Amino acid sequence: ITYEMEVYENQDFAGKAGCKEKININLFEVVKT
């Protein structure tokens, strides 16, 4: 697995921060990620 997270300033939210997450899942028995 490869996992990423970003926390950034975003004035549209009450806490003035947004969050981005991404995960890549690769089972050894399956070719597709």
Full PDB file with SEQRES, HELIX, SHEET, SSBOND, CRYST1, ORIGX, SCALE, CONECT and MASTER records, all heavy atoms in Angstrom:
SEQRES   1 A   33  ILE THR TYR GLU MET GLU VAL TYR GLU ASN GLN ASP PHE          
SEQRES   2 A   33  ALA GLY LYS ALA GLY CYS LYS GLU LYS ILE ASN ILE ASN          
SEQRES   3 A   33  LEU PHE GLU VAL VAL LYS THR                                  
SHEET    1 AA1 2 THR A   2  GLU A   9  0                                        
SHEET    2 AA1 2 ALA A  17  ASN A  24 -1                                        
CRYST1    1.000    1.000    1.000  90.00  90.00  90.00 P 1           1          
ORIGX1      1.000000  0.000000  0.000000        0.00000                         
ORIGX2      0.000000  1.000000  0.000000        0.00000                         
ORIGX3      0.000000  0.000000  1.000000        0.00000                         
SCALE1      1.000000  0.000000  0.000000        0.00000                         
SCALE2      0.000000  1.000000  0.000000        0.00000                         
SCALE3      0.000000  0.000000  1.000000        0.00000                         
ATOM      1  N   ILE A   1       0.842  -1.187   0.000  1.00  0.00           N  
ATOM      2  CA  ILE A   1       0.000   0.000   0.000  1.00  0.00           C  
ATOM      3  C   ILE A   1       0.881   1.242   0.000  1.00  0.00           C  
ATOM      4  O   ILE A   1       1.918   1.277   0.665  1.00  0.00           O  
ATOM      5  CB  ILE A   1      -0.946   0.009   1.224  1.00  0.00           C  
ATOM      6  CG1 ILE A   1      -2.166  -0.871   0.959  1.00  0.00           C  
ATOM      7  CG2 ILE A   1      -1.392   1.426   1.587  1.00  0.00           C  
ATOM      8  CD1 ILE A   1      -3.102  -1.004   2.131  1.00  0.00           C  
ATOM      9  N   THR A   2       0.451   2.252  -0.746  1.00  0.00           N  
ATOM     10  CA  THR A   2       1.034   3.583  -0.666  1.00  0.00           C  
ATOM     11  C   THR A   2      -0.082   4.546  -0.277  1.00  0.00           C  
ATOM     12  O   THR A   2      -1.145   4.555  -0.898  1.00  0.00           O  
ATOM     13  CB  THR A   2       1.654   4.017  -1.998  1.00  0.00           C  
ATOM     14  OG1 THR A   2       2.675   3.093  -2.371  1.00  0.00           O  
ATOM     15  CG2 THR A   2       2.271   5.399  -1.871  1.00  0.00           C  
ATOM     16  N   TYR A   3       0.166   5.342   0.754  1.00  0.00           N  
ATOM     17  CA  TYR A   3      -0.857   6.239   1.285  1.00  0.00           C  
ATOM     18  C   TYR A   3      -0.303   7.658   1.335  1.00  0.00           C  
ATOM     19  O   TYR A   3       0.853   7.882   1.700  1.00  0.00           O  
ATOM     20  CB  TYR A   3      -1.279   5.791   2.686  1.00  0.00           C  
ATOM     21  CG  TYR A   3      -2.185   6.756   3.423  1.00  0.00           C  
ATOM     22  CD1 TYR A   3      -3.552   6.806   3.168  1.00  0.00           C  
ATOM     23  CD2 TYR A   3      -1.666   7.619   4.382  1.00  0.00           C  
ATOM     24  CE1 TYR A   3      -4.379   7.683   3.847  1.00  0.00           C  
ATOM     25  CE2 TYR A   3      -2.483   8.500   5.074  1.00  0.00           C  
ATOM     26  CZ  TYR A   3      -3.844   8.528   4.796  1.00  0.00           C  
ATOM     27  OH  TYR A   3      -4.659   9.403   5.466  1.00  0.00           O  
ATOM     28  N   GLU A   4      -1.148   8.640   0.972  1.00  0.00           N  
ATOM     29  CA  GLU A   4      -0.769  10.048   1.008  1.00  0.00           C  
ATOM     30  C   GLU A   4      -1.847  10.866   1.699  1.00  0.00           C  
ATOM     31  O   GLU A   4      -3.036  10.576   1.578  1.00  0.00           O  
ATOM     32  CB  GLU A   4      -0.563  10.590  -0.408  1.00  0.00           C  
ATOM     33  CG  GLU A   4       0.545   9.914  -1.196  1.00  0.00           C  
ATOM     34  CD  GLU A   4       0.677  10.453  -2.609  1.00  0.00           C  
ATOM     35  OE1 GLU A   4       0.736  11.697  -2.755  1.00  0.00           O  
ATOM     36  OE2 GLU A   4       0.700   9.651  -3.557  1.00  0.00           O  
ATOM     37  N   MET A   5      -1.404  11.908   2.411  1.00  0.00           N  
ATOM     38  CA  MET A   5      -2.321  12.862   3.015  1.00  0.00           C  
ATOM     39  C   MET A   5      -1.751  14.265   2.884  1.00  0.00           C  
ATOM     40  O   MET A   5      -0.544  14.468   3.045  1.00  0.00           O  
ATOM     41  CB  MET A   5      -2.575  12.547   4.495  1.00  0.00           C  
ATOM     42  CG  MET A   5      -3.476  13.580   5.195  1.00  0.00           C  
ATOM     43  SD  MET A   5      -3.664  13.354   6.972  1.00  0.00           S  
ATOM     44  CE  MET A   5      -4.792  11.982   7.036  1.00  0.00           C  
ATOM     45  N   GLU A   6      -2.629  15.231   2.599  1.00  0.00           N  
ATOM     46  CA  GLU A   6      -2.283  16.645   2.587  1.00  0.00           C  
ATOM     47  C   GLU A   6      -3.273  17.410   3.458  1.00  0.00           C  
ATOM     48  O   GLU A   6      -4.469  17.129   3.443  1.00  0.00           O  
ATOM     49  CB  GLU A   6      -2.319  17.229   1.170  1.00  0.00           C  
ATOM     50  CG  GLU A   6      -1.143  16.888   0.295  1.00  0.00           C  
ATOM     51  CD  GLU A   6      -1.172  17.668  -1.018  1.00  0.00           C  
ATOM     52  OE1 GLU A   6      -2.119  18.452  -1.240  1.00  0.00           O  
ATOM     53  OE2 GLU A   6      -0.236  17.479  -1.819  1.00  0.00           O  
ATOM     54  N   VAL A   7      -2.746  18.367   4.222  1.00  0.00           N  
ATOM     55  CA  VAL A   7      -3.583  19.296   4.962  1.00  0.00           C  
ATOM     56  C   VAL A   7      -3.241  20.686   4.451  1.00  0.00           C  
ATOM     57  O   VAL A   7      -2.075  21.081   4.439  1.00  0.00           O  
ATOM     58  CB  VAL A   7      -3.346  19.199   6.479  1.00  0.00           C  
ATOM     59  CG1 VAL A   7      -4.223  20.213   7.218  1.00  0.00           C  
ATOM     60  CG2 VAL A   7      -3.642  17.788   6.971  1.00  0.00           C  
ATOM     61  N   TYR A   8      -4.249  21.435   4.022  1.00  0.00           N  
ATOM     62  CA  TYR A   8      -4.015  22.715   3.367  1.00  0.00           C  
ATOM     63  C   TYR A   8      -5.019  23.755   3.856  1.00  0.00           C  
ATOM     64  O   TYR A   8      -6.074  23.430   4.410  1.00  0.00           O  
ATOM     65  CB  TYR A   8      -4.121  22.564   1.847  1.00  0.00           C  
ATOM     66  CG  TYR A   8      -5.492  22.112   1.362  1.00  0.00           C  
ATOM     67  CD1 TYR A   8      -6.438  23.025   0.923  1.00  0.00           C  
ATOM     68  CD2 TYR A   8      -5.836  20.763   1.344  1.00  0.00           C  
ATOM     69  CE1 TYR A   8      -7.696  22.626   0.489  1.00  0.00           C  
ATOM     70  CE2 TYR A   8      -7.083  20.342   0.921  1.00  0.00           C  
ATOM     71  CZ  TYR A   8      -8.011  21.277   0.498  1.00  0.00           C  
ATOM     72  OH  TYR A   8      -9.264  20.878   0.071  1.00  0.00           O  
ATOM     73  N   GLU A   9      -4.694  25.003   3.641  1.00  0.00           N  
ATOM     74  CA  GLU A   9      -5.579  26.097   4.028  1.00  0.00           C  
ATOM     75  C   GLU A   9      -6.754  26.194   3.064  1.00  0.00           C  
ATOM     76  O   GLU A   9      -6.576  26.205   1.854  1.00  0.00           O  
ATOM     77  CB  GLU A   9      -4.814  27.421   4.064  1.00  0.00           C  
ATOM     78  CG  GLU A   9      -5.602  28.571   4.662  1.00  0.00           C  
ATOM     79  CD  GLU A   9      -4.759  29.824   4.783  1.00  0.00           C  
ATOM     80  OE1 GLU A   9      -4.115  30.200   3.785  1.00  0.00           O  
ATOM     81  OE2 GLU A   9      -4.733  30.430   5.867  1.00  0.00           O  
ATOM     82  N   ASN A  10      -7.955  26.272   3.603  1.00  0.00           N  
ATOM     83  CA  ASN A  10      -9.161  26.402   2.792  1.00  0.00           C  
ATOM     84  C   ASN A  10     -10.169  27.249   3.560  1.00  0.00           C  
ATOM     85  O   ASN A  10     -10.720  26.821   4.570  1.00  0.00           O  
ATOM     86  CB  ASN A  10      -9.755  25.030   2.469  1.00  0.00           C  
ATOM     87  CG  ASN A  10     -10.855  25.114   1.418  1.00  0.00           C  
ATOM     88  OD1 ASN A  10     -11.669  26.044   1.413  1.00  0.00           O  
ATOM     89  ND2 ASN A  10     -10.903  24.139   0.516  1.00  0.00           N  
ATOM     90  N   GLN A  11     -10.423  28.453   3.073  1.00  0.00           N  
ATOM     91  CA  GLN A  11     -11.288  29.396   3.755  1.00  0.00           C  
ATOM     92  C   GLN A  11     -12.758  29.004   3.690  1.00  0.00           C  
ATOM     93  O   GLN A  11     -13.597  29.623   4.358  1.00  0.00           O  
ATOM     94  CB  GLN A  11     -11.102  30.796   3.163  1.00  0.00           C  
ATOM     95  CG  GLN A  11      -9.685  31.353   3.293  1.00  0.00           C  
ATOM     96  CD  GLN A  11      -9.270  31.582   4.736  1.00  0.00           C  
ATOM     97  OE1 GLN A  11     -10.112  31.886   5.596  1.00  0.00           O  
ATOM     98  NE2 GLN A  11      -7.979  31.434   5.025  1.00  0.00           N  
ATOM     99  N   ASP A  12     -13.104  28.000   2.911  1.00  0.00           N  
ATOM    100  CA  ASP A  12     -14.503  27.597   2.778  1.00  0.00           C  
ATOM    101  C   ASP A  12     -15.014  26.798   3.975  1.00  0.00           C  
ATOM    102  O   ASP A  12     -16.217  26.576   4.100  1.00  0.00           O  
ATOM    103  CB  ASP A  12     -14.700  26.766   1.510  1.00  0.00           C  
ATOM    104  CG  ASP A  12     -14.456  27.568   0.248  1.00  0.00           C  
ATOM    105  OD1 ASP A  12     -14.589  28.810   0.301  1.00  0.00           O  
ATOM    106  OD2 ASP A  12     -14.126  26.969  -0.791  1.00  0.00           O  
ATOM    107  N   PHE A  13     -14.102  26.360   4.844  1.00  0.00           N  
ATOM    108  CA  PHE A  13     -14.505  25.550   5.988  1.00  0.00           C  
ATOM    109  C   PHE A  13     -14.352  26.333   7.280  1.00  0.00           C  
ATOM    110  O   PHE A  13     -13.528  27.258   7.373  1.00  0.00           O  
ATOM    111  CB  PHE A  13     -13.681  24.264   6.055  1.00  0.00           C  
ATOM    112  CG  PHE A  13     -13.836  23.384   4.847  1.00  0.00           C  
ATOM    113  CD1 PHE A  13     -12.769  23.172   3.992  1.00  0.00           C  
ATOM    114  CD2 PHE A  13     -15.042  22.793   4.553  1.00  0.00           C  
ATOM    115  CE1 PHE A  13     -12.908  22.377   2.877  1.00  0.00           C  
ATOM    116  CE2 PHE A  13     -15.196  21.990   3.434  1.00  0.00           C  
ATOM    117  CZ  PHE A  13     -14.133  21.788   2.595  1.00  0.00           C  
ATOM    118  N   ALA A  14     -15.117  25.917   8.277  1.00  0.00           N  
ATOM    119  CA  ALA A  14     -15.103  26.626   9.556  1.00  0.00           C  
ATOM    120  C   ALA A  14     -13.719  26.591  10.199  1.00  0.00           C  
ATOM    121  O   ALA A  14     -13.268  27.562  10.785  1.00  0.00           O  
ATOM    122  CB  ALA A  14     -16.146  26.010  10.498  1.00  0.00           C  
ATOM    123  N   GLY A  15     -13.057  25.447  10.119  1.00  0.00           N  
ATOM    124  CA  GLY A  15     -11.708  25.326  10.674  1.00  0.00           C  
ATOM    125  C   GLY A  15     -10.640  25.861   9.764  1.00  0.00           C  
ATOM    126  O   GLY A  15      -9.455  25.851  10.109  1.00  0.00           O  
ATOM    127  N   LYS A  16     -11.049  26.346   8.559  1.00  0.00           N  
ATOM    128  CA  LYS A  16     -10.168  26.959   7.569  1.00  0.00           C  
ATOM    129  C   LYS A  16      -9.043  26.031   7.098  1.00  0.00           C  
ATOM    130  O   LYS A  16      -7.937  26.474   6.798  1.00  0.00           O  
ATOM    131  CB  LYS A  16      -9.592  28.269   8.104  1.00  0.00           C  
ATOM    132  CG  LYS A  16     -10.648  29.320   8.408  1.00  0.00           C  
ATOM    133  CD  LYS A  16     -10.027  30.622   8.872  1.00  0.00           C  
ATOM    134  CE  LYS A  16     -11.113  31.666   9.135  1.00  0.00           C  
ATOM    135  NZ  LYS A  16     -10.537  32.951   9.614  1.00  0.00           N  
ATOM    136  N   ALA A  17      -9.316  24.749   7.054  1.00  0.00           N  
ATOM    137  CA  ALA A  17      -8.350  23.785   6.533  1.00  0.00           C  
ATOM    138  C   ALA A  17      -9.088  22.661   5.849  1.00  0.00           C  
ATOM    139  O   ALA A  17     -10.206  22.299   6.229  1.00  0.00           O  
ATOM    140  CB  ALA A  17      -7.452  23.227   7.642  1.00  0.00           C  
ATOM    141  N   GLY A  18      -8.455  22.131   4.790  1.00  0.00           N  
ATOM    142  CA  GLY A  18      -9.012  21.000   4.069  1.00  0.00           C  
ATOM    143  C   GLY A  18      -8.060  19.826   4.112  1.00  0.00           C  
ATOM    144  O   GLY A  18      -6.890  19.946   4.505  1.00  0.00           O  
ATOM    145  N   CYS A  19      -8.558  18.664   3.713  1.00  0.00           N  
ATOM    146  CA  CYS A  19      -7.775  17.436   3.782  1.00  0.00           C  
ATOM    147  C   CYS A  19      -7.933  16.642   2.496  1.00  0.00           C  
ATOM    148  O   CYS A  19      -9.044  16.481   1.978  1.00  0.00           O  
ATOM    149  CB  CYS A  19      -8.230  16.590   4.979  1.00  0.00           C  
ATOM    150  SG  CYS A  19      -7.358  15.015   5.156  1.00  0.00           S  
ATOM    151  N   LYS A  20      -6.821  16.155   1.970  1.00  0.00           N  
ATOM    152  CA  LYS A  20      -6.823  15.257   0.822  1.00  0.00           C  
ATOM    153  C   LYS A  20      -6.127  13.963   1.215  1.00  0.00           C  
ATOM    154  O   LYS A  20      -5.090  13.982   1.882  1.00  0.00           O  
ATOM    155  CB  LYS A  20      -6.088  15.882  -0.367  1.00  0.00           C  
ATOM    156  CG  LYS A  20      -6.761  17.106  -0.971  1.00  0.00           C  
ATOM    157  CD  LYS A  20      -5.937  17.628  -2.145  1.00  0.00           C  
ATOM    158  CE  LYS A  20      -6.592  18.848  -2.783  1.00  0.00           C  
ATOM    159  NZ  LYS A  20      -5.776  19.376  -3.913  1.00  0.00           N  
ATOM    160  N   GLU A  21      -6.703  12.850   0.800  1.00  0.00           N  
ATOM    161  CA  GLU A  21      -6.114  11.540   1.049  1.00  0.00           C  
ATOM    162  C   GLU A  21      -6.163  10.701  -0.224  1.00  0.00           C  
ATOM    163  O   GLU A  21      -7.094  10.795  -1.016  1.00  0.00           O  
ATOM    164  CB  GLU A  21      -6.881  10.797   2.148  1.00  0.00           C  
ATOM    165  CG  GLU A  21      -6.846  11.427   3.519  1.00  0.00           C  
ATOM    166  CD  GLU A  21      -7.722  10.677   4.494  1.00  0.00           C  
ATOM    167  OE1 GLU A  21      -8.929  10.999   4.551  1.00  0.00           O  
ATOM    168  OE2 GLU A  21      -7.218   9.772   5.181  1.00  0.00           O  
ATOM    169  N   LYS A  22      -5.154   9.859  -0.376  1.00  0.00           N  
ATOM    170  CA  LYS A  22      -5.106   8.958  -1.527  1.00  0.00           C  
ATOM    171  C   LYS A  22      -4.417   7.664  -1.097  1.00  0.00           C  
ATOM    172  O   LYS A  22      -3.426   7.690  -0.378  1.00  0.00           O  
ATOM    173  CB  LYS A  22      -4.350   9.602  -2.691  1.00  0.00           C  
ATOM    174  CG  LYS A  22      -4.302   8.758  -3.969  1.00  0.00           C  
ATOM    175  CD  LYS A  22      -3.372   9.397  -4.997  1.00  0.00           C  
ATOM    176  CE  LYS A  22      -3.856  10.781  -5.413  1.00  0.00           C  
ATOM    177  NZ  LYS A  22      -2.933  11.386  -6.428  1.00  0.00           N  
ATOM    178  N   ILE A  23      -4.954   6.535  -1.554  1.00  0.00           N  
ATOM    179  CA  ILE A  23      -4.349   5.247  -1.240  1.00  0.00           C  
ATOM    180  C   ILE A  23      -4.297   4.386  -2.491  1.00  0.00           C  
ATOM    181  O   ILE A  23      -5.237   4.364  -3.288  1.00  0.00           O  
ATOM    182  CB  ILE A  23      -5.123   4.526  -0.109  1.00  0.00           C  
ATOM    183  CG1 ILE A  23      -4.326   3.332   0.429  1.00  0.00           C  
ATOM    184  CG2 ILE A  23      -6.513   4.096  -0.564  1.00  0.00           C  
ATOM    185  CD1 ILE A  23      -4.892   2.780   1.730  1.00  0.00           C  
ATOM    186  N   ASN A  24      -3.173   3.732  -2.722  1.00  0.00           N  
ATOM    187  CA  ASN A  24      -2.996   2.750  -3.793  1.00  0.00           C  
ATOM    188  C   ASN A  24      -2.849   1.378  -3.167  1.00  0.00           C  
ATOM    189  O   ASN A  24      -1.971   1.156  -2.319  1.00  0.00           O  
ATOM    190  CB  ASN A  24      -1.772   3.080  -4.642  1.00  0.00           C  
ATOM    191  CG  ASN A  24      -2.009   4.281  -5.534  1.00  0.00           C  
ATOM    192  OD1 ASN A  24      -2.813   4.244  -6.445  1.00  0.00           O  
ATOM    193  ND2 ASN A  24      -1.295   5.357  -5.263  1.00  0.00           N  
ATOM    194  N   ILE A  25      -3.710   0.447  -3.569  1.00  0.00           N  
ATOM    195  CA  ILE A  25      -3.765  -0.897  -3.002  1.00  0.00           C  
ATOM    196  C   ILE A  25      -3.349  -1.908  -4.066  1.00  0.00           C  
ATOM    197  O   ILE A  25      -3.909  -1.944  -5.155  1.00  0.00           O  
ATOM    198  CB  ILE A  25      -5.186  -1.229  -2.510  1.00  0.00           C  
ATOM    199  CG1 ILE A  25      -5.737  -0.102  -1.623  1.00  0.00           C  
ATOM    200  CG2 ILE A  25      -5.214  -2.556  -1.782  1.00  0.00           C  
ATOM    201  CD1 ILE A  25      -7.236  -0.151  -1.436  1.00  0.00           C  
ATOM    202  N   ASN A  26      -2.371  -2.723  -3.747  1.00  0.00           N  
ATOM    203  CA  ASN A  26      -1.864  -3.715  -4.697  1.00  0.00           C  
ATOM    204  C   ASN A  26      -1.742  -5.064  -4.011  1.00  0.00           C  
ATOM    205  O   ASN A  26      -0.824  -5.291  -3.231  1.00  0.00           O  
ATOM    206  CB  ASN A  26      -0.515  -3.275  -5.265  1.00  0.00           C  
ATOM    207  CG  ASN A  26       0.034  -4.265  -6.272  1.00  0.00           C  
ATOM    208  OD1 ASN A  26      -0.707  -5.034  -6.885  1.00  0.00           O  
ATOM    209  ND2 ASN A  26       1.340  -4.253  -6.429  1.00  0.00           N  
ATOM    210  N   LEU A  27      -2.686  -5.962  -4.256  1.00  0.00           N  
ATOM    211  CA  LEU A  27      -2.574  -7.333  -3.785  1.00  0.00           C  
ATOM    212  C   LEU A  27      -1.605  -8.101  -4.674  1.00  0.00           C  
ATOM    213  O   LEU A  27      -1.652  -7.986  -5.892  1.00  0.00           O  
ATOM    214  CB  LEU A  27      -3.939  -8.020  -3.780  1.00  0.00           C  
ATOM    215  CG  LEU A  27      -4.943  -7.585  -2.709  1.00  0.00           C  
ATOM    216  CD1 LEU A  27      -6.280  -8.253  -2.965  1.00  0.00           C  
ATOM    217  CD2 LEU A  27      -4.447  -7.933  -1.316  1.00  0.00           C  
ATOM    218  N   PHE A  28      -0.725  -8.892  -4.045  1.00  0.00           N  
ATOM    219  CA  PHE A  28       0.271  -9.618  -4.819  1.00  0.00           C  
ATOM    220  C   PHE A  28      -0.350 -10.629  -5.776  1.00  0.00           C  
ATOM    221  O   PHE A  28       0.215 -10.941  -6.820  1.00  0.00           O  
ATOM    222  CB  PHE A  28       1.263 -10.309  -3.883  1.00  0.00           C  
ATOM    223  CG  PHE A  28       2.126  -9.354  -3.106  1.00  0.00           C  
ATOM    224  CD1 PHE A  28       2.471  -9.610  -1.790  1.00  0.00           C  
ATOM    225  CD2 PHE A  28       2.591  -8.197  -3.694  1.00  0.00           C  
ATOM    226  CE1 PHE A  28       3.267  -8.734  -1.076  1.00  0.00           C  
ATOM    227  CE2 PHE A  28       3.390  -7.300  -2.988  1.00  0.00           C  
ATOM    228  CZ  PHE A  28       3.729  -7.573  -1.682  1.00  0.00           C  
ATOM    229  N   GLU A  29      -1.512 -11.152  -5.434  1.00  0.00           N  
ATOM    230  CA  GLU A  29      -2.180 -12.130  -6.278  1.00  0.00           C  
ATOM    231  C   GLU A  29      -3.016 -11.495  -7.383  1.00  0.00           C  
ATOM    232  O   GLU A  29      -3.566 -12.185  -8.224  1.00  0.00           O  
ATOM    233  CB  GLU A  29      -3.078 -13.026  -5.432  1.00  0.00           C  
ATOM    234  CG  GLU A  29      -4.192 -12.276  -4.708  1.00  0.00           C  
ATOM    235  CD  GLU A  29      -5.006 -13.167  -3.798  1.00  0.00           C  
ATOM    236  OE1 GLU A  29      -4.482 -14.191  -3.335  1.00  0.00           O  
ATOM    237  OE2 GLU A  29      -6.165 -12.841  -3.554  1.00  0.00           O  
ATOM    238  N   VAL A  30      -3.100 -10.148  -7.382  1.00  0.00           N  
ATOM    239  CA  VAL A  30      -3.877  -9.423  -8.383  1.00  0.00           C  
ATOM    240  C   VAL A  30      -2.960  -8.439  -9.100  1.00  0.00           C  
ATOM    241  O   VAL A  30      -2.222  -7.695  -8.471  1.00  0.00           O  
ATOM    242  CB  VAL A  30      -5.057  -8.668  -7.742  1.00  0.00           C  
ATOM    243  CG1 VAL A  30      -5.853  -7.918  -8.807  1.00  0.00           C  
ATOM    244  CG2 VAL A  30      -5.966  -9.627  -6.982  1.00  0.00           C  
ATOM    245  N   VAL A  31      -3.018  -8.415 -10.407  1.00  0.00           N  
ATOM    246  CA  VAL A  31      -2.136  -7.552 -11.188  1.00  0.00           C  
ATOM    247  C   VAL A  31      -2.528  -6.086 -11.062  1.00  0.00           C  
ATOM    248  O   VAL A  31      -1.688  -5.196 -10.958  1.00  0.00           O  
ATOM    249  CB  VAL A  31      -2.141  -7.976 -12.676  1.00  0.00           C  
ATOM    250  CG1 VAL A  31      -1.283  -7.023 -13.509  1.00  0.00           C  
ATOM    251  CG2 VAL A  31      -1.662  -9.411 -12.817  1.00  0.00           C  
ATOM    252  N   LYS A  32      -3.821  -5.788 -11.033  1.00  0.00           N  
ATOM    253  CA  LYS A  32      -4.323  -4.433 -11.065  1.00  0.00           C  
ATOM    254  C   LYS A  32      -4.149  -3.727  -9.724  1.00  0.00           C  
ATOM    255  O   LYS A  32      -4.388  -4.292  -8.666  1.00  0.00           O  
ATOM    256  CB  LYS A  32      -5.800  -4.428 -11.458  1.00  0.00           C  
ATOM    257  CG  LYS A  32      -6.410  -3.041 -11.615  1.00  0.00           C  
ATOM    258  CD  LYS A  32      -7.872  -3.143 -12.005  1.00  0.00           C  
ATOM    259  CE  LYS A  32      -8.493  -1.754 -12.131  1.00  0.00           C  
ATOM    260  NZ  LYS A  32      -9.937  -1.833 -12.491  1.00  0.00           N  
ATOM    261  N   THR A  33      -3.720  -2.454  -9.775  1.00  0.00           N  
ATOM    262  CA  THR A  33      -3.627  -1.602  -8.598  1.00  0.00           C  
ATOM    263  C   THR A  33      -4.908  -0.790  -8.455  1.00  0.00           C  
ATOM    264  O   THR A  33      -5.375  -0.179  -9.416  1.00  0.00           O  
ATOM    265  CB  THR A  33      -2.421  -0.660  -8.686  1.00  0.00           C  
ATOM    266  OG1 THR A  33      -1.219  -1.428  -8.755  1.00  0.00           O  
ATOM    267  CG2 THR A  33      -2.356   0.258  -7.483  1.00  0.00           C  
TER     268      THR A  33                                                      
MASTER        0    0    0    0    2    0    0    6  267    1    0    3          
END                                                                             
